[in-house]
Protein backbone atom coordinates (compact mmCIF):
# COMPACT_ATOMS: atom_id res chain seq x y z
CA MET A 1 -0.10 0.05 -0.12
CA TYR A 2 1.41 3.36 -1.02
CA ASP A 3 0.10 6.92 -0.25
CA LEU A 4 0.74 8.09 -3.68
CA VAL A 5 1.37 6.20 -6.99
CA VAL A 6 2.71 8.50 -9.72
CA ILE A 7 2.45 7.09 -13.22
CA GLY A 8 5.18 8.67 -15.36
CA GLY A 9 8.84 9.49 -14.49
CA GLY A 10 9.29 12.65 -16.37
CA PRO A 11 10.01 16.12 -14.81
CA ALA A 12 6.33 16.19 -13.60
CA GLY A 13 6.44 12.78 -11.98
CA LEU A 14 9.88 13.33 -10.44
CA SER A 15 9.13 16.55 -9.00
CA ALA A 16 5.90 15.12 -7.48
CA GLY A 17 7.93 12.46 -5.99
CA VAL A 18 10.12 14.80 -4.38
CA TYR A 19 7.34 17.07 -2.89
CA ALA A 20 5.26 13.92 -1.77
CA ALA A 21 8.43 12.36 -0.08
CA ARG A 22 9.04 15.62 1.71
CA ALA A 23 5.41 15.65 2.94
CA ASN A 24 6.20 12.08 4.33
CA LEU A 25 3.97 10.25 1.92
CA LYS A 26 5.06 6.72 0.86
CA THR A 27 5.50 7.37 -2.79
CA LEU A 28 6.08 4.97 -5.88
CA ILE A 29 6.74 6.21 -9.39
CA ILE A 30 6.02 4.03 -12.15
CA GLU A 31 7.98 4.58 -15.52
CA LYS A 32 8.08 2.27 -18.40
CA GLY A 33 11.36 3.79 -19.92
CA LEU A 34 14.17 5.67 -18.46
CA PRO A 35 13.27 8.22 -15.72
CA GLY A 36 13.25 11.66 -17.32
CA GLY A 37 10.91 11.27 -20.07
CA GLN A 38 11.67 13.46 -23.00
CA MET A 39 14.46 15.08 -21.31
CA GLN A 40 16.33 11.97 -22.03
CA ASN A 41 16.10 12.88 -25.79
CA THR A 42 17.12 16.71 -25.18
CA MET A 43 20.79 17.44 -26.10
CA GLU A 44 20.88 20.79 -24.21
CA VAL A 45 18.62 22.55 -21.76
CA GLU A 46 19.28 26.30 -21.44
CA ASN A 47 15.88 27.60 -20.04
CA TYR A 48 15.66 25.86 -16.86
CA THR A 49 15.82 28.60 -14.24
CA GLY A 50 18.99 28.62 -12.20
CA ILE A 51 21.01 26.39 -14.57
CA LYS A 52 22.69 28.04 -17.50
CA THR A 53 23.09 25.04 -19.47
CA ILE A 54 22.73 21.20 -18.93
CA LEU A 55 22.42 18.02 -20.88
CA GLY A 56 18.91 16.61 -20.90
CA PRO A 57 20.09 13.32 -19.60
CA GLU A 58 22.11 15.00 -16.87
CA LEU A 59 19.15 16.90 -15.71
CA SER A 60 17.09 13.66 -15.69
CA GLU A 61 19.74 12.05 -13.65
CA SER A 62 19.83 14.72 -11.25
CA MET A 63 16.12 14.78 -10.66
CA ARG A 64 16.00 11.02 -10.19
CA ALA A 65 18.92 11.12 -7.69
CA HIS A 66 16.93 13.78 -5.78
CA ALA A 67 14.00 11.53 -5.67
CA ASP A 68 16.08 8.62 -4.63
CA TYR A 69 17.68 10.59 -1.77
CA LEU A 70 14.33 11.23 -0.27
CA GLY A 71 13.38 7.50 -0.50
CA VAL A 72 10.95 7.61 -3.35
CA GLU A 73 10.68 4.27 -5.04
CA ILE A 74 10.83 3.92 -8.72
CA LYS A 75 9.51 0.81 -10.52
CA MET A 76 10.06 0.00 -14.30
CA THR A 77 6.93 -1.56 -15.65
CA ASP A 78 3.84 -0.75 -17.89
CA VAL A 79 0.40 0.47 -16.54
CA ALA A 80 -2.49 -1.48 -18.20
CA SER A 81 -5.25 0.33 -16.37
CA ILE A 82 -6.37 2.13 -13.10
CA ASP A 83 -9.49 1.42 -10.95
CA MET A 84 -9.93 5.13 -10.10
CA LYS A 85 -13.22 5.00 -8.30
CA SER A 86 -12.18 2.46 -5.62
CA GLN A 87 -10.59 3.53 -2.27
CA PRO A 88 -7.84 2.57 -2.29
CA LYS A 89 -7.08 2.91 -6.05
CA VAL A 90 -5.87 0.06 -7.81
CA VAL A 91 -3.04 0.39 -10.47
CA GLN A 92 -2.93 -2.59 -12.69
CA THR A 93 0.70 -3.20 -14.18
CA SER A 94 2.50 -5.70 -16.03
CA ASP A 95 4.02 -6.96 -12.81
CA GLY A 96 0.80 -7.20 -10.80
CA ASP A 97 -1.76 -4.84 -9.07
CA ILE A 98 -0.55 -1.83 -6.91
CA GLU A 99 -2.79 -0.13 -4.41
CA ALA A 100 -2.68 3.54 -3.28
CA LYS A 101 -4.58 6.12 -1.54
CA ALA A 102 -4.16 8.64 -4.46
CA VAL A 103 -2.93 8.40 -7.96
CA LEU A 104 -1.08 10.93 -10.03
CA ILE A 105 -1.03 10.75 -13.97
CA ALA A 106 2.13 12.14 -15.35
CA THR A 107 2.56 10.32 -18.49
CA GLY A 108 3.10 13.26 -20.85
CA ALA A 109 2.26 13.77 -24.43
CA ALA A 110 4.36 12.64 -27.34
CA PRO A 111 4.87 14.84 -30.27
CA ARG A 112 3.78 13.26 -33.55
CA LYS A 113 6.43 12.30 -35.82
CA LEU A 114 6.57 12.53 -39.73
CA GLY A 115 7.57 8.81 -39.95
CA VAL A 116 10.13 9.54 -42.54
CA PRO A 117 13.72 8.28 -43.17
CA GLY A 118 16.23 10.35 -41.15
CA GLU A 119 13.93 11.67 -38.62
CA ASP A 120 14.80 9.55 -35.74
CA LYS A 121 18.38 9.26 -36.62
CA LEU A 122 18.68 13.04 -36.55
CA SER A 123 16.57 13.75 -33.60
CA GLY A 124 18.43 16.19 -31.45
CA ARG A 125 20.89 16.77 -34.21
CA GLY A 126 18.77 19.28 -36.38
CA VAL A 127 15.37 17.62 -35.91
CA SER A 128 13.45 19.16 -33.07
CA TRP A 129 9.78 19.50 -31.89
CA CYS A 130 10.44 22.47 -29.66
CA ALA A 131 11.52 26.05 -30.91
CA VAL A 132 11.56 27.47 -27.39
CA CYS A 133 14.16 24.50 -26.45
CA ASP A 134 16.37 24.50 -29.42
CA GLY A 135 15.83 27.67 -31.42
CA ALA A 136 18.91 29.32 -30.08
CA PHE A 137 21.25 26.72 -31.48
CA PHE A 138 20.16 27.78 -35.16
CA LYS A 139 21.59 31.18 -35.33
CA ASN A 140 22.03 32.33 -38.97
CA LYS A 141 20.96 28.91 -40.14
CA LYS A 142 18.34 27.73 -42.64
CA ILE A 143 15.18 26.25 -40.81
CA ALA A 144 12.26 24.34 -42.11
CA VAL A 145 9.03 24.28 -40.01
CA ILE A 146 6.58 21.44 -40.81
CA GLY A 147 2.88 22.11 -40.16
CA GLY A 148 0.21 24.78 -40.53
CA GLY A 149 -1.57 25.09 -37.28
CA ASP A 150 -1.08 27.59 -34.38
CA SER A 151 2.12 25.80 -32.97
CA ALA A 152 3.87 25.62 -36.35
CA ILE A 153 3.25 29.35 -37.15
CA GLU A 154 3.70 30.59 -33.66
CA GLU A 155 6.84 28.75 -33.16
CA GLY A 156 8.02 29.39 -36.78
CA THR A 157 7.64 33.12 -36.01
CA PHE A 158 9.72 32.61 -32.79
CA LEU A 159 12.44 30.93 -34.90
CA THR A 160 12.95 33.96 -36.97
CA ARG A 161 14.67 35.53 -34.11
CA PHE A 162 17.56 33.12 -34.79
CA GLY A 163 17.55 31.69 -38.21
CA GLU A 164 18.83 33.23 -41.47
CA SER A 165 15.34 31.98 -42.99
CA VAL A 166 12.31 29.97 -41.94
CA THR A 167 10.50 27.97 -44.39
CA VAL A 168 7.14 26.61 -43.77
CA ILE A 169 6.04 23.52 -45.40
CA HIS A 170 2.39 22.68 -45.30
CA ARG A 171 0.34 19.92 -46.91
CA ARG A 172 -2.50 22.15 -47.51
CA ASP A 173 -2.93 25.49 -49.78
CA LYS A 174 -3.59 27.53 -46.74
CA LEU A 175 -2.71 27.62 -43.02
CA ARG A 176 -5.02 26.56 -40.25
CA ALA A 177 -3.50 28.98 -37.72
CA GLN A 178 -5.39 31.85 -36.02
CA PRO A 179 -5.48 34.75 -38.33
CA ILE A 180 -3.48 36.98 -36.06
CA LEU A 181 -0.67 34.35 -36.06
CA GLN A 182 -0.91 34.10 -39.90
CA GLN A 183 -0.65 37.89 -40.27
CA ARG A 184 2.53 38.01 -38.12
CA ALA A 185 3.99 35.18 -40.18
CA PHE A 186 3.30 36.68 -43.66
CA SER A 187 4.58 40.01 -42.62
CA SER A 188 7.92 38.60 -41.60
CA GLU A 189 10.76 39.10 -44.00
CA LYS A 190 12.56 35.94 -42.98
CA MET A 191 9.56 33.54 -43.61
CA ASP A 192 8.64 31.87 -46.75
CA PHE A 193 6.04 29.17 -47.44
CA ILE A 194 5.80 25.97 -49.64
CA TRP A 195 2.33 24.91 -50.11
CA ASN A 196 0.90 21.42 -50.93
CA HIS A 197 4.02 19.56 -50.02
CA THR A 198 4.95 16.99 -47.56
CA VAL A 199 8.38 16.06 -46.26
CA VAL A 200 9.36 12.50 -47.38
CA GLU A 201 13.03 12.34 -46.24
CA ILE A 202 15.57 14.14 -43.97
CA PHE A 203 19.13 14.05 -44.94
CA GLY A 204 22.31 14.22 -42.91
CA GLU A 205 24.99 12.24 -41.18
CA LYS A 206 25.85 13.84 -37.85
CA LYS A 207 23.56 16.65 -38.34
CA VAL A 208 20.73 17.81 -40.82
CA THR A 209 21.78 18.95 -44.22
CA GLY A 210 18.78 18.93 -46.12
CA ILE A 211 15.19 17.63 -46.78
CA LYS A 212 13.37 15.92 -49.60
CA ILE A 213 9.76 17.25 -50.11
CA LYS A 214 6.88 15.93 -52.45
CA HIS A 215 3.85 17.94 -54.11
CA VAL A 216 0.66 16.18 -52.63
CA ASP A 217 -1.01 16.31 -56.12
CA THR A 218 1.66 15.79 -58.67
CA GLY A 219 4.08 13.67 -56.63
CA GLU A 220 6.94 15.76 -58.02
CA GLU A 221 9.88 15.65 -55.62
CA GLN A 222 12.68 18.27 -54.81
CA THR A 223 15.53 18.57 -52.26
CA LEU A 224 16.11 21.64 -50.08
CA ASP A 225 19.28 22.52 -48.19
CA MET A 226 18.30 22.92 -44.42
CA ASP A 227 20.16 23.06 -41.13
CA GLY A 228 17.22 22.40 -38.88
CA VAL A 229 13.81 20.69 -39.07
CA PHE A 230 11.00 21.59 -36.59
CA ILE A 231 8.13 19.41 -36.71
CA TYR A 232 4.64 20.69 -35.54
CA ILE A 233 1.92 18.24 -36.61
CA GLY A 234 0.33 17.67 -33.30
CA PHE A 235 0.77 15.90 -30.02
CA ASP A 236 -0.63 12.56 -28.66
CA PRO A 237 -1.31 12.48 -24.97
CA MET A 238 -0.12 9.06 -23.51
CA THR A 239 -3.42 8.17 -21.97
CA SER A 240 -4.39 4.96 -23.73
CA PHE A 241 -4.53 3.09 -20.34
CA ILE A 242 -7.20 5.30 -18.88
CA THR A 243 -10.59 3.68 -18.99
CA ASP A 244 -12.58 6.47 -17.22
CA LYS A 245 -12.92 8.74 -20.11
CA GLU A 246 -14.85 11.19 -18.13
CA ILE A 247 -11.61 12.80 -16.96
CA LEU A 248 -10.35 13.32 -20.63
CA ASP A 249 -11.04 15.94 -23.13
CA ALA A 250 -11.95 15.20 -26.85
CA GLU A 251 -8.26 15.00 -27.68
CA GLY A 252 -7.50 12.42 -24.74
CA TYR A 253 -5.90 14.84 -22.58
CA VAL A 254 -6.60 14.81 -18.79
CA LEU A 255 -8.63 17.62 -17.39
CA THR A 256 -7.89 19.13 -14.06
CA ASP A 257 -8.45 22.26 -12.04
CA ASP A 258 -5.47 24.77 -11.08
CA ASP A 259 -4.72 22.33 -8.25
CA MET A 260 -4.24 19.45 -10.63
CA ARG A 261 -7.29 17.76 -9.32
CA THR A 262 -9.33 15.65 -11.79
CA SER A 263 -13.21 15.19 -11.45
CA ILE A 264 -12.58 11.86 -9.64
CA PRO A 265 -11.60 12.30 -5.93
CA GLY A 266 -7.96 11.14 -5.30
CA VAL A 267 -6.99 11.28 -9.03
CA PHE A 268 -4.67 13.88 -10.14
CA ALA A 269 -2.67 14.85 -13.22
CA ALA A 270 0.37 17.01 -14.03
CA GLY A 271 2.61 17.86 -16.83
CA ASP A 272 2.07 17.70 -20.50
CA VAL A 273 -0.78 14.97 -20.20
CA ARG A 274 -2.88 18.08 -19.40
CA PRO A 275 -4.12 20.66 -21.95
CA LYS A 276 -1.82 23.48 -21.89
CA GLY A 277 -0.37 26.32 -23.81
CA LEU A 278 3.38 25.80 -22.74
CA ARG A 279 4.95 22.47 -22.68
CA GLN A 280 8.32 22.85 -20.85
CA ILE A 281 10.39 21.05 -18.20
CA ILE A 282 9.81 23.86 -15.74
CA THR A 283 6.11 23.88 -16.23
CA ALA A 284 5.89 20.10 -15.93
CA ALA A 285 8.00 20.35 -12.85
CA SER A 286 5.69 23.09 -11.28
CA ASP A 287 2.58 20.95 -12.03
CA GLY A 288 4.09 18.04 -10.41
CA ALA A 289 4.91 20.06 -7.10
CA ILE A 290 1.10 21.29 -7.08
CA ALA A 291 -0.17 17.90 -7.61
CA ALA A 292 1.89 16.22 -4.91
CA MET A 293 0.49 18.77 -2.32
CA SER A 294 -2.96 18.35 -3.51
CA ALA A 295 -2.56 14.66 -3.06
CA TYR A 296 -1.27 15.21 0.40
CA HIS A 297 -4.40 17.22 1.30
CA PHE A 298 -6.62 14.78 -0.10
CA ILE A 299 -5.00 12.02 1.92
CA GLU A 300 -5.16 13.98 5.01
CA SER A 301 -8.90 14.47 4.54
CA LEU A 302 -9.82 10.86 4.34
CA SER A 303 -12.30 9.96 6.86
CA ASP A 304 -11.51 7.49 9.82
CA THR A 305 -13.81 4.88 8.02
CA GLU A 306 -11.86 5.19 4.97
CA ARG A 307 -8.47 5.00 6.72
CA GLU A 308 -9.60 1.77 8.57
CA ALA A 309 -10.88 0.27 5.18
CA VAL A 310 -7.38 0.95 3.55
CA SER A 311 -5.62 -0.31 6.68
CA ALA A 312 -7.67 -3.52 6.74
CA GLN A 313 -7.05 -4.12 2.98
CA THR A 314 -3.28 -3.52 3.53
CA LYS A 315 -3.24 -6.29 6.30
CA ASN A 316 -5.23 -8.79 4.09
């Protein structure tokens, strides 16, 4: 029996573990991969307050070490489902069931990939899904932005602060972004647009050197010299294991209030698994801290009857 089970070992989950442990909660973090989440795939982090620059894996290890120091348990396994409405909650994993007084969902959201040759190989070496994270590495470089929605155009406009040029490549003949974002983009001298094309390959050995694009109607292909490729074709929240759809929005993100509470008592969510405007390490870590303290207050509010029921189940 745990006080709090955190599903996901990224910055939100690790931060929650630290705060929960400091509140004297018996805490378990469940992670199916390496602790750190997407930080493990980030070459350098330059915008985490108080740290001028740090490698993503190094920051991951530092966060994990902090949680370890405070006695947080970390278990490597897959979560199949959660019985959210029981008390205690039951987390069903590949290694058996785990019971907890409260559950925090911090599984994050994965940026959608193009699925083309060179994308995975050059990830972190010119291929990116975050302009705020990596834009400064492309000063005076040729940058391609893939997509036509709000994120693509907003992030593309941001990249004009650094790049020599920013070329937006979109599979349609018009943008889907908000009109005000389009206006800013079209008025930028550094931005140009290639319509009705998709990216079919990314070139480079140690870093990106170019891309191949194809016209969606004619099938005609051409290659372009590029130093960076920023992909904005959407995110997929990692919530397939959640069967209680009442806590999810239409896109599968977990809905919470400002205290990270879902509509089900004792179930919380933090980080990129929530619908939010800015997905950064620091915002995820902040969510995790808030969620852990909300879980603490929930556990403290359990009635004597509920505490006795939990205690009896633990003994059995």
